[in-house]
C-alpha atoms as a PDB file:
ATOM      1  CA  MET A   1       0.000   0.000   0.000  1.00  0.00           C
ATOM      2  CA  PHE A   2       3.043   2.295   0.077  1.00  0.00           C
ATOM      3  CA  ASP A   3       4.249   1.560  -3.470  1.00  0.00           C
ATOM      4  CA  ILE A   4       3.502   4.392  -5.891  1.00  0.00           C
ATOM      5  CA  GLU A   5       2.432   1.832  -8.506  1.00  0.00           C
ATOM      6  CA  ASP A   6      -0.582   0.968  -6.315  1.00  0.00           C
ATOM      7  CA  TYR A   7      -1.953   4.449  -7.006  1.00  0.00           C
ATOM      8  CA  ASP A   8      -1.817   4.374 -10.778  1.00  0.00           C
ATOM      9  CA  TYR A   9      -4.841   3.970 -13.041  1.00  0.00           C
ATOM     10  CA  SER A  10      -5.769   4.673 -16.653  1.00  0.00           C
ATOM     11  CA  LEU A  11      -8.313   7.363 -17.436  1.00  0.00           C
ATOM     12  CA  PRO A  12      -9.765   8.111 -20.885  1.00  0.00           C
ATOM     13  CA  ASP A  13      -9.019  11.724 -21.881  1.00  0.00           C
ATOM     14  CA  GLU A  14     -12.689  12.407 -22.516  1.00  0.00           C
ATOM     15  CA  LEU A  15     -13.445  11.945 -18.794  1.00  0.00           C
ATOM     16  CA  ILE A  16     -11.157  14.844 -17.792  1.00  0.00           C
ATOM     17  CA  ALA A  17     -13.582  17.746 -17.290  1.00  0.00           C
ATOM     18  CA  GLN A  18     -12.425  20.754 -19.326  1.00  0.00           C
ATOM     19  CA  VAL A  19     -15.256  23.098 -18.304  1.00  0.00           C
ATOM     20  CA  PRO A  20     -17.597  23.201 -15.300  1.00  0.00           C
ATOM     21  CA  LEU A  21     -21.238  22.218 -15.582  1.00  0.00           C
ATOM     22  CA  PRO A  22     -23.666  25.142 -16.037  1.00  0.00           C
ATOM     23  CA  ASP A  23     -24.995  24.553 -12.503  1.00  0.00           C
ATOM     24  CA  ARG A  24     -22.459  23.847  -9.774  1.00  0.00           C
ATOM     25  CA  ASP A  25     -24.649  21.599  -7.633  1.00  0.00           C
ATOM     26  CA  LYS A  26     -25.884  19.394 -10.490  1.00  0.00           C
ATOM     27  CA  SER A  27     -22.622  17.485 -10.674  1.00  0.00           C
ATOM     28  CA  ARG A  28     -22.826  13.781  -9.963  1.00  0.00           C
ATOM     29  CA  LEU A  29     -22.002  12.475  -6.502  1.00  0.00           C
ATOM     30  CA  MET A  30     -20.816   8.951  -5.762  1.00  0.00           C
ATOM     31  CA  VAL A  31     -21.752   8.007  -2.202  1.00  0.00           C
ATOM     32  CA  VAL A  32     -19.311   5.472  -0.745  1.00  0.00           C
ATOM     33  CA  ASP A  33     -19.975   3.715   2.576  1.00  0.00           C
ATOM     34  CA  ARG A  34     -16.780   2.534   4.275  1.00  0.00           C
ATOM     35  CA  SER A  35     -18.591   0.129   6.606  1.00  0.00           C
ATOM     36  CA  THR A  36     -20.443  -1.796   3.886  1.00  0.00           C
ATOM     37  CA  GLY A  37     -18.349  -1.042   0.808  1.00  0.00           C
ATOM     38  CA  SER A  38     -21.512   0.032  -1.005  1.00  0.00           C
ATOM     39  CA  MET A  39     -21.643   2.732  -3.700  1.00  0.00           C
ATOM     40  CA  ARG A  40     -24.626   4.806  -4.800  1.00  0.00           C
ATOM     41  CA  ASP A  41     -25.035   7.281  -7.662  1.00  0.00           C
ATOM     42  CA  ARG A  42     -26.612  10.573  -6.636  1.00  0.00           C
ATOM     43  CA  HIS A  43     -26.200  14.282  -7.380  1.00  0.00           C
ATOM     44  CA  PHE A  44     -24.478  16.933  -5.297  1.00  0.00           C
ATOM     45  CA  LEU A  45     -27.741  18.786  -4.713  1.00  0.00           C
ATOM     46  CA  ASP A  46     -28.953  15.676  -2.813  1.00  0.00           C
ATOM     47  CA  LEU A  47     -26.442  16.405  -0.037  1.00  0.00           C
ATOM     48  CA  PRO A  48     -28.989  17.601   2.565  1.00  0.00           C
ATOM     49  CA  GLU A  49     -30.758  14.226   2.505  1.00  0.00           C
ATOM     50  CA  LEU A  50     -27.523  12.219   2.408  1.00  0.00           C
ATOM     51  CA  LEU A  51     -26.130  13.720   5.604  1.00  0.00           C
ATOM     52  CA  THR A  52     -27.516  13.596   9.148  1.00  0.00           C
ATOM     53  CA  PRO A  53     -29.033  16.573  11.010  1.00  0.00           C
ATOM     54  CA  GLY A  54     -26.360  17.857  13.368  1.00  0.00           C
ATOM     55  CA  ASP A  55     -23.457  17.099  11.027  1.00  0.00           C
ATOM     56  CA  LEU A  56     -20.854  19.872  10.938  1.00  0.00           C
ATOM     57  CA  LEU A  57     -19.281  20.615   7.553  1.00  0.00           C
ATOM     58  CA  VAL A  58     -15.905  22.365   7.500  1.00  0.00           C
ATOM     59  CA  VAL A  59     -15.016  24.277   4.324  1.00  0.00           C
ATOM     60  CA  ASN A  60     -11.908  26.078   3.099  1.00  0.00           C
ATOM     61  CA  ASP A  61     -12.511  29.809   2.494  1.00  0.00           C
ATOM     62  CA  THR A  62      -9.225  30.460   0.672  1.00  0.00           C
ATOM     63  CA  ARG A  63      -9.467  32.609  -2.455  1.00  0.00           C
ATOM     64  CA  VAL A  64      -7.547  31.670  -5.598  1.00  0.00           C
ATOM     65  CA  VAL A  65      -5.292  34.386  -6.986  1.00  0.00           C
ATOM     66  CA  PRO A  66      -5.383  34.797 -10.801  1.00  0.00           C
ATOM     67  CA  ALA A  67      -1.632  34.319 -10.646  1.00  0.00           C
ATOM     68  CA  ARG A  68      -0.843  33.153 -14.189  1.00  0.00           C
ATOM     69  CA  LEU A  69       0.936  35.703 -16.408  1.00  0.00           C
ATOM     70  CA  PHE A  70       2.299  35.552 -19.938  1.00  0.00           C
ATOM     71  CA  GLY A  71       5.365  37.438 -21.090  1.00  0.00           C
ATOM     72  CA  ARG A  72       8.537  37.168 -23.116  1.00  0.00           C
ATOM     73  CA  LYS A  73      12.279  37.066 -22.757  1.00  0.00           C
ATOM     74  CA  GLU A  74      14.492  39.780 -24.240  1.00  0.00           C
ATOM     75  CA  SER A  75      15.257  37.317 -27.025  1.00  0.00           C
ATOM     76  CA  GLY A  76      11.554  37.246 -27.862  1.00  0.00           C
ATOM     77  CA  GLY A  77      10.846  33.734 -26.561  1.00  0.00           C
ATOM     78  CA  ARG A  78       7.461  33.282 -24.909  1.00  0.00           C
ATOM     79  CA  ILE A  79       7.222  32.534 -21.197  1.00  0.00           C
ATOM     80  CA  GLU A  80       4.455  31.741 -18.757  1.00  0.00           C
ATOM     81  CA  ILE A  81       4.766  32.192 -14.993  1.00  0.00           C
ATOM     82  CA  LEU A  82       2.684  31.339 -11.958  1.00  0.00           C
ATOM     83  CA  VAL A  83       3.343  33.792  -9.109  1.00  0.00           C
ATOM     84  CA  LEU A  84       3.476  31.761  -5.892  1.00  0.00           C
ATOM     85  CA  GLU A  85       3.852  34.407  -3.183  1.00  0.00           C
ATOM     86  CA  HIS A  86       0.970  36.714  -2.314  1.00  0.00           C
ATOM     87  CA  GLY A  87       0.028  39.268   0.296  1.00  0.00           C
ATOM     88  CA  LYS A  88       3.542  40.677   0.532  1.00  0.00           C
ATOM     89  CA  GLU A  89       4.186  44.347   1.273  1.00  0.00           C
ATOM     90  CA  GLU A  90       3.981  46.399  -1.910  1.00  0.00           C
ATOM     91  CA  ALA A  91       6.089  49.304  -0.648  1.00  0.00           C
ATOM     92  CA  ALA A  92       9.405  47.656  -1.398  1.00  0.00           C
ATOM     93  CA  LYS A  93      10.695  48.013  -4.958  1.00  0.00           C
ATOM     94  CA  PRO A  94      11.537  45.786  -6.663  1.00  0.00           C
ATOM     95  CA  GLU A  95       8.919  43.260  -5.533  1.00  0.00           C
ATOM     96  CA  THR A  96      10.671  39.897  -5.368  1.00  0.00           C
ATOM     97  CA  ARG A  97       8.502  36.800  -5.699  1.00  0.00           C
ATOM     98  CA  TRP A  98       9.061  33.090  -6.256  1.00  0.00           C
ATOM     99  CA  CYS A  99       7.284  31.828  -9.360  1.00  0.00           C
ATOM    100  CA  LEU A 100       6.869  28.679 -11.420  1.00  0.00           C
ATOM    101  CA  LEU A 101       8.153  29.158 -14.954  1.00  0.00           C
ATOM    102  CA  ARG A 102       7.160  27.492 -18.202  1.00  0.00           C
ATOM    103  CA  SER A 103       9.450  28.272 -21.129  1.00  0.00           C
ATOM    104  CA  SER A 104      11.062  26.501 -24.075  1.00  0.00           C
ATOM    105  CA  LYS A 105      14.460  27.386 -22.602  1.00  0.00           C
ATOM    106  CA  ARG A 106      15.047  28.427 -19.022  1.00  0.00           C
ATOM    107  CA  PRO A 107      16.370  32.001 -18.705  1.00  0.00           C
ATOM    108  CA  LYS A 108      19.663  32.586 -16.925  1.00  0.00           C
ATOM    109  CA  LYS A 109      20.171  34.508 -13.719  1.00  0.00           C
ATOM    110  CA  GLY A 110      20.149  38.230 -14.491  1.00  0.00           C
ATOM    111  CA  SER A 111      17.939  37.841 -17.575  1.00  0.00           C
ATOM    112  CA  HIS A 112      15.241  40.442 -18.209  1.00  0.00           C
ATOM    113  CA  LEU A 113      11.606  39.410 -18.634  1.00  0.00           C
ATOM    114  CA  ILE A 114       8.850  41.609 -20.069  1.00  0.00           C
ATOM    115  CA  PHE A 115       5.173  41.443 -19.106  1.00  0.00           C
ATOM    116  CA  GLU A 116       2.130  43.643 -19.737  1.00  0.00           C
ATOM    117  CA  LYS A 117       1.457  47.267 -18.756  1.00  0.00           C
ATOM    118  CA  ASP A 118       5.101  48.295 -18.326  1.00  0.00           C
ATOM    119  CA  LEU A 119       5.812  45.530 -15.827  1.00  0.00           C
ATOM    120  CA  SER A 120       9.154  43.821 -16.283  1.00  0.00           C
ATOM    121  CA  GLY A 121      11.365  41.635 -14.176  1.00  0.00           C
ATOM    122  CA  VAL A 122      14.879  40.386 -13.571  1.00  0.00           C
ATOM    123  CA  VAL A 123      15.730  36.775 -12.744  1.00  0.00           C
ATOM    124  CA  GLU A 124      17.240  36.812  -9.250  1.00  0.00           C
ATOM    125  CA  ASN A 125      17.567  33.099  -8.470  1.00  0.00           C
ATOM    126  CA  LEU A 126      16.895  29.721 -10.023  1.00  0.00           C
ATOM    127  CA  GLY A 127      15.396  26.876  -7.971  1.00  0.00           C
ATOM    128  CA  GLU A 128      14.426  23.275  -8.573  1.00  0.00           C
ATOM    129  CA  ASP A 129      11.363  21.916 -10.403  1.00  0.00           C
ATOM    130  CA  GLY A 130      10.848  25.061 -12.479  1.00  0.00           C
ATOM    131  CA  LEU A 131      11.038  27.513  -9.576  1.00  0.00           C
ATOM    132  CA  ILE A 132      12.421  30.940 -10.361  1.00  0.00           C
ATOM    133  CA  GLN A 133      12.751  34.096  -8.249  1.00  0.00           C
ATOM    134  CA  ILE A 134      11.865  37.301 -10.096  1.00  0.00           C
ATOM    135  CA  ALA A 135      12.408  40.909  -9.022  1.00  0.00           C
ATOM    136  CA  PHE A 136       9.478  42.753 -10.605  1.00  0.00           C
ATOM    137  CA  LEU A 137       9.910  46.346 -11.798  1.00  0.00           C
ATOM    138  CA  GLY A 138       7.378  48.853 -13.030  1.00  0.00           C
ATOM    139  CA  PRO A 139       4.589  51.245 -12.054  1.00  0.00           C
ATOM    140  CA  PRO A 140       1.947  48.596 -11.365  1.00  0.00           C
ATOM    141  CA  SER A 141       2.397  46.300  -8.398  1.00  0.00           C
ATOM    142  CA  VAL A 142       2.457  42.574  -9.105  1.00  0.00           C
ATOM    143  CA  ASP A 143      -0.792  42.014  -7.213  1.00  0.00           C
ATOM    144  CA  THR A 144      -2.560  44.825  -9.074  1.00  0.00           C
ATOM    145  CA  LEU A 145      -1.540  43.420 -12.447  1.00  0.00           C
ATOM    146  CA  LEU A 146      -2.566  39.897 -11.467  1.00  0.00           C
ATOM    147  CA  GLU A 147      -6.046  40.992 -10.389  1.00  0.00           C
ATOM    148  CA  ASP A 148      -6.396  43.058 -13.571  1.00  0.00           C
ATOM    149  CA  ARG A 149      -4.834  40.804 -16.212  1.00  0.00           C
ATOM    150  CA  GLY A 150      -3.849  37.517 -14.594  1.00  0.00           C
ATOM    151  CA  MET A 151      -5.415  34.203 -15.602  1.00  0.00           C
ATOM    152  CA  MET A 152      -6.596  31.618 -13.120  1.00  0.00           C
ATOM    153  CA  PRO A 153      -3.900  29.024 -12.315  1.00  0.00           C
ATOM    154  CA  LEU A 154      -5.745  26.065 -13.748  1.00  0.00           C
ATOM    155  CA  PRO A 155      -3.989  22.711 -13.566  1.00  0.00           C
ATOM    156  CA  PRO A 156      -2.261  21.649 -16.799  1.00  0.00           C
ATOM    157  CA  TYR A 157      -4.860  18.993 -17.661  1.00  0.00           C
ATOM    158  CA  ILE A 158      -7.396  21.804 -18.221  1.00  0.00           C
ATOM    159  CA  ARG A 159      -6.281  23.207 -21.538  1.00  0.00           C
ATOM    160  CA  ARG A 160      -6.416  26.975 -22.009  1.00  0.00           C
ATOM    161  CA  LYS A 161      -4.536  29.283 -24.354  1.00  0.00           C
ATOM    162  CA  GLU A 162      -3.511  32.898 -23.793  1.00  0.00           C
ATOM    163  CA  LYS A 163      -6.577  35.170 -24.089  1.00  0.00           C
ATOM    164  CA  ASP A 164      -8.837  32.121 -24.174  1.00  0.00           C
ATOM    165  CA  ARG A 165     -12.546  33.001 -24.305  1.00  0.00           C
ATOM    166  CA  LEU A 166     -13.112  30.671 -21.339  1.00  0.00           C
ATOM    167  CA  SER A 167     -10.830  32.701 -19.049  1.00  0.00           C
ATOM    168  CA  GLU A 168     -13.661  34.900 -17.765  1.00  0.00           C
ATOM    169  CA  LEU A 169     -15.720  31.805 -16.968  1.00  0.00           C
ATOM    170  CA  ASP A 170     -12.724  30.369 -15.074  1.00  0.00           C
ATOM    171  CA  ARG A 171     -12.425  33.553 -12.991  1.00  0.00           C
ATOM    172  CA  GLU A 172     -15.893  32.861 -11.643  1.00  0.00           C
ATOM    173  CA  ARG A 173     -16.131  29.072 -11.626  1.00  0.00           C
ATOM    174  CA  TYR A 174     -12.610  28.189 -10.403  1.00  0.00           C
ATOM    175  CA  GLN A 175     -13.539  30.112  -7.246  1.00  0.00           C
ATOM    176  CA  THR A 176     -15.786  28.713  -4.510  1.00  0.00           C
ATOM    177  CA  VAL A 177     -18.815  30.524  -3.088  1.00  0.00           C
ATOM    178  CA  PHE A 178     -16.907  30.549   0.229  1.00  0.00           C
ATOM    179  CA  ALA A 179     -13.813  32.265  -1.220  1.00  0.00           C
ATOM    180  CA  GLU A 180     -12.798  35.215   0.948  1.00  0.00           C
ATOM    181  CA  ARG A 181      -9.137  35.106   1.945  1.00  0.00           C
ATOM    182  CA  ARG A 182      -6.760  35.649  -0.970  1.00  0.00           C
ATOM    183  CA  GLY A 183      -3.693  33.428  -1.197  1.00  0.00           C
ATOM    184  CA  ALA A 184      -4.215  30.085  -2.979  1.00  0.00           C
ATOM    185  CA  VAL A 185      -2.673  29.000  -6.289  1.00  0.00           C
ATOM    186  CA  ALA A 186      -5.207  26.184  -6.723  1.00  0.00           C
ATOM    187  CA  ALA A 187      -8.851  25.844  -5.758  1.00  0.00           C
ATOM    188  CA  PRO A 188     -10.137  23.585  -2.969  1.00  0.00           C
ATOM    189  CA  THR A 189     -12.114  21.782  -5.653  1.00  0.00           C
ATOM    190  CA  ALA A 190     -14.564  19.830  -3.472  1.00  0.00           C
ATOM    191  CA  SER A 191     -16.154  23.168  -2.554  1.00  0.00           C
ATOM    192  CA  LEU A 192     -16.713  24.182  -6.183  1.00  0.00           C
ATOM    193  CA  HIS A 193     -20.015  22.248  -6.173  1.00  0.00           C
ATOM    194  CA  PHE A 194     -21.750  24.372  -3.525  1.00  0.00           C
ATOM    195  CA  THR A 195     -24.306  27.089  -4.300  1.00  0.00           C
ATOM    196  CA  ARG A 196     -26.040  29.620  -2.039  1.00  0.00           C
ATOM    197  CA  ASP A 197     -29.324  27.804  -2.608  1.00  0.00           C
ATOM    198  CA  LEU A 198     -27.816  24.468  -1.567  1.00  0.00           C
ATOM    199  CA  LEU A 199     -26.351  26.049   1.571  1.00  0.00           C
ATOM    200  CA  ALA A 200     -29.802  27.412   2.501  1.00  0.00           C
ATOM    201  CA  ARG A 201     -31.326  23.947   2.052  1.00  0.00           C
ATOM    202  CA  MET A 202     -28.569  22.425   4.185  1.00  0.00           C
ATOM    203  CA  GLU A 203     -29.285  24.883   6.984  1.00  0.00           C
ATOM    204  CA  GLN A 204     -32.985  23.976   6.831  1.00  0.00           C
ATOM    205  CA  ALA A 205     -31.969  20.297   7.104  1.00  0.00           C
ATOM    206  CA  GLY A 206     -30.106  20.941  10.367  1.00  0.00           C
ATOM    207  CA  LEU A 207     -26.592  20.935   8.911  1.00  0.00           C
ATOM    208  CA  SER A 208     -23.992  23.508   9.975  1.00  0.00           C
ATOM    209  CA  VAL A 209     -21.084  24.943   7.977  1.00  0.00           C
ATOM    210  CA  VAL A 210     -17.959  26.563   9.440  1.00  0.00           C
ATOM    211  CA  PRO A 211     -14.818  27.849   7.650  1.00  0.00           C
ATOM    212  CA  LEU A 212     -11.100  27.517   8.021  1.00  0.00           C
ATOM    213  CA  THR A 213      -8.345  28.751   5.725  1.00  0.00           C
ATOM    214  CA  LEU A 214      -5.624  26.727   4.069  1.00  0.00           C
ATOM    215  CA  HIS A 215      -3.878  28.463   1.169  1.00  0.00           C
ATOM    216  CA  VAL A 216      -3.222  25.733  -1.387  1.00  0.00           C
ATOM    217  CA  GLY A 217       0.426  25.986  -2.463  1.00  0.00           C
ATOM    218  CA  HIS A 218       2.408  24.847  -5.489  1.00  0.00           C
ATOM    219  CA  GLY A 219       3.189  21.563  -3.720  1.00  0.00           C
ATOM    220  CA  THR A 220      -0.169  20.419  -5.049  1.00  0.00           C
ATOM    221  CA  PHE A 221       1.433  20.363  -8.534  1.00  0.00           C
ATOM    222  CA  ARG A 222       4.567  18.557  -7.424  1.00  0.00           C
ATOM    223  CA  PRO A 223       4.855  15.080  -8.949  1.00  0.00           C
ATOM    224  CA  VAL A 224       5.655  12.151  -6.668  1.00  0.00           C
ATOM    225  CA  ARG A 225       9.104  10.878  -7.583  1.00  0.00           C
ATOM    226  CA  THR A 226       9.639   8.414  -4.739  1.00  0.00           C
ATOM    227  CA  ARG A 227       8.795   4.721  -4.988  1.00  0.00           C
ATOM    228  CA  ASP A 228       7.692   4.662  -1.348  1.00  0.00           C
ATOM    229  CA  ILE A 229       4.902   7.238  -1.053  1.00  0.00           C
ATOM    230  CA  ARG A 230       5.804   7.927   2.589  1.00  0.00           C
ATOM    231  CA  GLU A 231       9.047   9.549   1.393  1.00  0.00           C
ATOM    232  CA  HIS A 232       7.241  12.189  -0.689  1.00  0.00           C
ATOM    233  CA  ARG A 233       7.409  15.782   0.564  1.00  0.00           C
ATOM    234  CA  LEU A 234       4.630  18.340   0.145  1.00  0.00           C
ATOM    235  CA  GLY A 235       5.726  21.981   0.614  1.00  0.00           C
ATOM    236  CA  TYR A 236       4.483  23.946   3.591  1.00  0.00           C
ATOM    237  CA  GLU A 237       1.066  25.574   3.287  1.00  0.00           C
ATOM    238  CA  GLU A 238      -0.329  28.306   5.533  1.00  0.00           C
ATOM    239  CA  TYR A 239      -3.495  27.692   7.532  1.00  0.00           C
ATOM    240  CA  ASP A 240      -5.677  29.713   9.905  1.00  0.00           C
ATOM    241  CA  LEU A 241      -8.202  28.138  12.262  1.00  0.00           C
ATOM    242  CA  SER A 242     -10.423  30.597  14.128  1.00  0.00           C
ATOM    243  CA  PRO A 243     -11.381  30.055  17.788  1.00  0.00           C
ATOM    244  CA  GLU A 244     -15.038  29.939  16.701  1.00  0.00           C
ATOM    245  CA  THR A 245     -14.466  27.095  14.246  1.00  0.00           C
ATOM    246  CA  ALA A 246     -12.215  25.258  16.704  1.00  0.00           C
ATOM    247  CA  HIS A 247     -14.929  25.470  19.372  1.00  0.00           C
ATOM    248  CA  ALA A 248     -17.638  24.293  16.943  1.00  0.00           C
ATOM    249  CA  ILE A 249     -15.560  21.221  16.062  1.00  0.00           C
ATOM    250  CA  GLU A 250     -14.783  20.391  19.702  1.00  0.00           C
ATOM    251  CA  ARG A 251     -18.463  20.696  20.574  1.00  0.00           C
ATOM    252  CA  SER A 252     -19.516  18.437  17.693  1.00  0.00           C
ATOM    253  CA  LYS A 253     -17.011  15.769  18.694  1.00  0.00           C
ATOM    254  CA  SER A 254     -18.010  15.924  22.379  1.00  0.00           C
ATOM    255  CA  GLU A 255     -21.694  15.560  21.441  1.00  0.00           C
ATOM    256  CA  GLY A 256     -21.050  12.620  19.130  1.00  0.00           C
ATOM    257  CA  ARG A 257     -21.931  14.516  15.952  1.00  0.00           C
ATOM    258  CA  ARG A 258     -19.969  14.021  12.751  1.00  0.00           C
ATOM    259  CA  VAL A 259     -17.361  16.386  11.371  1.00  0.00           C
ATOM    260  CA  VAL A 260     -17.538  16.351   7.567  1.00  0.00           C
ATOM    261  CA  ALA A 261     -14.431  17.679   5.818  1.00  0.00           C
ATOM    262  CA  VAL A 262     -15.138  19.357   2.495  1.00  0.00           C
ATOM    263  CA  GLY A 263     -11.941  18.534   0.609  1.00  0.00           C
ATOM    264  CA  THR A 264      -8.498  17.150   1.280  1.00  0.00           C
ATOM    265  CA  THR A 265      -7.157  20.600   2.242  1.00  0.00           C
ATOM    266  CA  VAL A 266      -9.597  20.716   5.162  1.00  0.00           C
ATOM    267  CA  VAL A 267      -8.567  17.211   6.238  1.00  0.00           C
ATOM    268  CA  ARG A 268      -4.897  18.175   6.292  1.00  0.00           C
ATOM    269  CA  ALA A 269      -5.571  21.362   8.238  1.00  0.00           C
ATOM    270  CA  LEU A 270      -7.781  19.719  10.858  1.00  0.00           C
ATOM    271  CA  GLU A 271      -5.560  16.693  11.392  1.00  0.00           C
ATOM    272  CA  SER A 272      -2.544  19.026  11.700  1.00  0.00           C
ATOM    273  CA  VAL A 273      -3.955  21.086  14.571  1.00  0.00           C
ATOM    274  CA  VAL A 274      -5.664  18.513  16.794  1.00  0.00           C
ATOM    275  CA  GLY A 275      -3.982  18.138  20.185  1.00  0.00           C
ATOM    276  CA  SER A 276      -3.147  15.035  22.182  1.00  0.00           C
ATOM    277  CA  LYS A 277      -6.478  15.216  24.066  1.00  0.00           C
ATOM    278  CA  GLY A 278      -8.571  15.989  21.000  1.00  0.00           C
ATOM    279  CA  GLU A 279      -8.492  19.738  21.491  1.00  0.00           C
ATOM    280  CA  MET A 280      -8.358  21.938  18.402  1.00  0.00           C
ATOM    281  CA  LYS A 281      -5.476  24.422  18.448  1.00  0.00           C
ATOM    282  CA  SER A 282      -6.738  27.627  16.864  1.00  0.00           C
ATOM    283  CA  GLY A 283      -4.489  30.201  15.238  1.00  0.00           C
ATOM    284  CA  ARG A 284      -2.206  30.504  12.247  1.00  0.00           C
ATOM    285  CA  GLY A 285       0.551  28.131  11.223  1.00  0.00           C
ATOM    286  CA  LYS A 286       2.061  26.056   8.451  1.00  0.00           C
ATOM    287  CA  THR A 287       1.629  22.377   7.693  1.00  0.00           C
ATOM    288  CA  ASP A 288       3.326  19.889   5.398  1.00  0.00           C
ATOM    289  CA  LEU A 289       1.323  16.914   6.701  1.00  0.00           C
ATOM    290  CA  LEU A 290       1.377  13.996   4.270  1.00  0.00           C
ATOM    291  CA  ILE A 291      -1.442  11.509   4.916  1.00  0.00           C
ATOM    292  CA  THR A 292      -0.950   7.942   3.687  1.00  0.00           C
ATOM    293  CA  PRO A 293      -2.627   4.616   4.552  1.00  0.00           C
ATOM    294  CA  GLY A 294      -2.219   3.736   8.202  1.00  0.00           C
ATOM    295  CA  PHE A 295      -2.857   7.325   9.319  1.00  0.00           C
ATOM    296  CA  SER A 296      -5.098   7.619  12.382  1.00  0.00           C
ATOM    297  CA  PHE A 297      -7.833  10.197  11.719  1.00  0.00           C
ATOM    298  CA  ARG A 298      -8.797  11.950  14.935  1.00  0.00           C
ATOM    299  CA  VAL A 299     -11.114  14.723  13.716  1.00  0.00           C
ATOM    300  CA  VAL A 300     -12.664  13.879  10.352  1.00  0.00           C
ATOM    301  CA  ASP A 301     -15.619  11.456  10.279  1.00  0.00           C
ATOM    302  CA  ALA A 302     -16.763  11.886   6.665  1.00  0.00           C
ATOM    303  CA  LEU A 303     -15.228  13.380   3.538  1.00  0.00           C
ATOM    304  CA  ILE A 304     -16.467  15.171   0.424  1.00  0.00           C
ATOM    305  CA  THR A 305     -13.855  15.115  -2.320  1.00  0.00           C
ATOM    306  CA  ASN A 306     -13.375  15.126  -6.084  1.00  0.00           C
ATOM    307  CA  PHE A 307     -11.787  12.346  -8.165  1.00  0.00           C
ATOM    308  CA  HIS A 308      -8.022  12.843  -8.111  1.00  0.00           C
ATOM    309  CA  LEU A 309      -5.068  12.282 -10.403  1.00  0.00           C
ATOM    310  CA  PRO A 310      -3.272   8.940 -10.361  1.00  0.00           C
ATOM    311  CA  ARG A 311      -0.017   8.798  -8.396  1.00  0.00           C
ATOM    312  CA  SER A 312      -0.952  11.946  -6.426  1.00  0.00           C
ATOM    313  CA  SER A 313      -0.734  12.818  -2.737  1.00  0.00           C
ATOM    314  CA  LEU A 314      -4.470  13.588  -2.800  1.00  0.00           C
ATOM    315  CA  LEU A 315      -5.191  10.013  -3.836  1.00  0.00           C
ATOM    316  CA  PHE A 316      -2.958   8.799  -0.977  1.00  0.00           C
ATOM    317  CA  LEU A 317      -5.088  10.752   1.498  1.00  0.00           C
ATOM    318  CA  VAL A 318      -8.426   9.490   0.160  1.00  0.00           C
ATOM    319  CA  SER A 319      -7.078   5.918   0.215  1.00  0.00           C
ATOM    320  CA  ALA A 320      -5.949   6.386   3.803  1.00  0.00           C
ATOM    321  CA  PHE A 321      -9.461   7.506   4.742  1.00  0.00           C
ATOM    322  CA  ALA A 322     -11.543   4.971   2.813  1.00  0.00           C
ATOM    323  CA  GLY A 323      -9.109   2.105   2.236  1.00  0.00           C
ATOM    324  CA  LEU A 324      -7.071   1.562  -0.915  1.00  0.00           C
ATOM    325  CA  ASP A 325      -9.089  -1.393  -2.201  1.00  0.00           C
ATOM    326  CA  LEU A 326     -12.413   0.417  -1.805  1.00  0.00           C
ATOM    327  CA  VAL A 327     -11.072   3.550  -3.483  1.00  0.00           C
ATOM    328  CA  LYS A 328      -9.770   1.514  -6.419  1.00  0.00           C
ATOM    329  CA  LYS A 329     -13.163  -0.136  -6.763  1.00  0.00           C
ATOM    330  CA  ALA A 330     -14.938   3.233  -6.604  1.00  0.00           C
ATOM    331  CA  TYR A 331     -12.663   4.758  -9.237  1.00  0.00           C
ATOM    332  CA  GLN A 332     -13.172   1.779 -11.548  1.00  0.00           C
ATOM    333  CA  GLU A 333     -16.931   2.173 -11.208  1.00  0.00           C
ATOM    334  CA  ALA A 334     -16.704   5.930 -11.769  1.00  0.00           C
ATOM    335  CA  ILE A 335     -14.787   5.362 -15.000  1.00  0.00           C
ATOM    336  CA  ALA A 336     -17.248   2.691 -16.150  1.00  0.00           C
ATOM    337  CA  LYS A 337     -20.155   5.077 -15.487  1.00  0.00           C
ATOM    338  CA  ALA A 338     -18.397   8.030 -17.187  1.00  0.00           C
ATOM    339  CA  TYR A 339     -18.094  10.291 -14.160  1.00  0.00           C
ATOM    340  CA  ARG A 340     -16.246  13.546 -14.882  1.00  0.00           C
ATOM    341  CA  PHE A 341     -12.797  13.651 -13.249  1.00  0.00           C
ATOM    342  CA  TYR A 342     -10.499  16.194 -11.576  1.00  0.00           C
ATOM    343  CA  SER A 343     -10.986  19.876 -10.715  1.00  0.00           C
ATOM    344  CA  TYR A 344     -14.093  20.653 -12.778  1.00  0.00           C
ATOM    345  CA  GLY A 345     -15.415  17.113 -12.432  1.00  0.00           C
ATOM    346  CA  ASP A 346     -17.846  15.227 -10.213  1.00  0.00           C
ATOM    347  CA  ALA A 347     -17.547  14.444  -6.516  1.00  0.00           C
ATOM    348  CA  MET A 348     -17.533  11.648  -3.968  1.00  0.00           C
ATOM    349  CA  LEU A 349     -19.052  11.520  -0.474  1.00  0.00           C
ATOM    350  CA  ILE A 350     -17.279   9.013   1.770  1.00  0.00           C
ATOM    351  CA  LEU A 351     -19.279   8.061   4.860  1.00  0.00           C
END
């Protein structure tokens, strides 16, 4: 269960969702019961009747930054960057940020890069796995230009070109209805299925929703290169758990009510901050928690999640929660029934 090959599977390209459905909550929902191994086909809008009154859902209120920019090298070669650092002080000039770079040939240290609206940059440092540190120069701040002209940092399996007509749709739909706190470079995709109407119906059904923040970092893109999945390293991601949410979770657990994590980011945050006596440690921090089979879950009782890439840390976590054999069976059934996969795809409720 720790061999990376156990987490591989074949997926037809046509099952990789390229655009979201017109209505968020009309995506399909596979309901998986860990105790019986049963699987049912429902829709996300059925959630109020699939959960139990008193259940507490925890969502991630991070906001995705439209952090993808196109530019060119002095030689004229095209480049694409994903700005990874956000919320830094804008007073300092130049603004130095770590970015992910995509280019036919990697620029050298000291090279000049040219972007839109008089923004340029100089390569300060070169890192591993496509990381590059850029000192940005120009009248507009980096954050201002990103909000004005940046494209959403969609994963590479969702194909978009520069100035793609779908970019405006992505700005709305690759953002959850909970999104408030700017800082993520990828969406907490399990939450993309919620609507305001569905939330109102959930409240009427006796379900509660509380937020936490975990800013999804570029580690989510990092391929697993180790044979033993336990040796993989995620980068650190910032989280913030409020005292109100911490108290709500502690109360639910003490009263025997379920805590339902909406997404793997919520699972990692909650399981990172629980204390030795089950207390939830509120406040800000960083976590690089990697969850693999054998992990002892102390907070999360049920999980809402999307269908994840093969050989990914997200698939490790779901397999740790539901069991590798059951997850494999569920994925095989999802493929056979033409579920839509990945960020804009369908979802799974694991009870």
